[in-house]
Amino acid sequence: MAEKKLIGRITHYFSKISVAVVELSDDIAVGDKIRMEGATTSFEQVIDSMEIDNKKVETATAGQSIGLKVKERVRLHDGVYKITNGS
């Protein structure tokens, strides 16, 4: 059974380039499956790339803000959840 854990919140969204800025409260890595949830937002995607200060990174840790390409529109304060396979 898949489980989800809150790992961050959307702090900005650039609609022209479909990039969300996520302020992290937990660690994340390229390849992780995430879920975006909010009042009108609900979708899952796998992270294929993320950036910190316009530099591509493979991992990011709590307290950092990352730029993340998203496949659908997200909104300010939407939650970002990491999908894990519960044991």
Protein backbone atom coordinates (compact mmCIF):
# COMPACT_ATOMS: atom_id res chain seq x y z
CA MET A 1 0.00 0.00 0.00
CA ALA A 2 1.43 3.36 -1.02
CA GLU A 3 1.80 5.99 1.65
CA LYS A 4 2.30 9.72 1.32
CA LYS A 5 4.32 12.08 3.47
CA LEU A 6 4.20 15.88 3.35
CA ILE A 7 7.63 17.08 2.20
CA GLY A 8 6.97 20.66 1.17
CA ARG A 9 4.70 23.47 0.04
CA ILE A 10 4.39 25.44 -3.18
CA THR A 11 5.66 29.00 -2.68
CA HIS A 12 5.58 30.17 -6.30
CA TYR A 13 4.42 29.02 -9.73
CA PHE A 14 5.69 30.21 -13.10
CA SER A 15 2.83 29.40 -15.47
CA LYS A 16 4.67 30.20 -18.71
CA ILE A 17 7.34 27.57 -18.04
CA SER A 18 5.32 25.24 -15.76
CA VAL A 19 7.83 25.45 -12.94
CA ALA A 20 6.87 25.36 -9.27
CA VAL A 21 9.03 26.55 -6.40
CA VAL A 22 8.81 24.13 -3.49
CA GLU A 23 9.99 24.97 0.01
CA LEU A 24 11.08 21.62 1.42
CA SER A 25 10.39 20.29 4.91
CA ASP A 26 12.01 16.93 4.10
CA ASP A 27 14.56 15.43 1.68
CA ILE A 28 13.77 14.69 -1.96
CA ALA A 29 15.66 13.24 -4.93
CA VAL A 30 15.36 12.90 -8.70
CA GLY A 31 13.35 9.75 -9.39
CA ASP A 32 11.07 10.18 -6.37
CA LYS A 33 7.35 9.97 -7.01
CA ILE A 34 5.47 12.97 -5.64
CA ARG A 35 1.86 14.08 -5.37
CA MET A 36 0.63 17.67 -5.50
CA GLU A 37 -2.53 18.34 -3.50
CA GLY A 38 -4.58 21.44 -2.84
CA ALA A 39 -8.13 22.80 -3.04
CA THR A 40 -8.20 22.34 -6.82
CA THR A 41 -4.92 20.49 -7.39
CA SER A 42 -4.48 16.72 -7.43
CA PHE A 43 -1.91 14.84 -9.52
CA GLU A 44 1.16 12.65 -9.26
CA GLN A 45 4.43 12.77 -11.14
CA VAL A 46 7.99 11.47 -10.96
CA ILE A 47 10.72 14.07 -10.50
CA ASP A 48 12.87 14.03 -13.60
CA SER A 49 14.81 17.20 -12.83
CA MET A 50 15.02 19.91 -10.20
CA GLU A 51 17.13 22.99 -9.67
CA ILE A 52 18.48 25.11 -6.83
CA ASP A 53 19.63 28.60 -7.85
CA ASN A 54 19.36 27.63 -11.55
CA LYS A 55 21.72 24.67 -11.11
CA LYS A 56 20.53 21.12 -11.67
CA VAL A 57 20.70 18.95 -8.55
CA GLU A 58 20.04 15.27 -7.90
CA THR A 59 18.97 15.69 -4.26
CA ALA A 60 17.71 18.45 -2.00
CA THR A 61 17.24 18.61 1.75
CA ALA A 62 14.81 20.11 4.25
CA GLY A 63 15.00 23.89 4.39
CA GLN A 64 15.96 24.32 0.73
CA SER A 65 13.73 25.71 -2.01
CA ILE A 66 13.78 23.91 -5.34
CA GLY A 67 12.54 24.69 -8.82
CA LEU A 68 10.53 21.79 -10.18
CA LYS A 69 9.02 21.26 -13.63
CA VAL A 70 5.38 20.24 -13.13
CA LYS A 71 3.01 18.63 -15.62
CA GLU A 72 -0.09 20.47 -14.40
CA ARG A 73 -0.87 23.84 -12.83
CA VAL A 74 -0.20 24.15 -9.11
CA ARG A 75 -1.23 26.88 -6.72
CA LEU A 76 0.33 28.73 -3.82
CA HIS A 77 0.39 26.69 -0.59
CA ASP A 78 -0.47 23.38 -2.31
CA GLY A 79 1.08 20.48 -0.43
CA VAL A 80 3.82 18.38 -1.98
CA TYR A 81 3.83 14.76 -0.82
CA LYS A 82 6.38 12.03 -1.39
CA ILE A 83 4.79 8.71 -2.34
CA THR A 84 6.44 5.75 -0.63
CA ASN A 85 5.70 2.06 -0.68
CA GLY A 86 4.56 1.35 2.85
CA SER A 87 6.00 -1.78 4.37
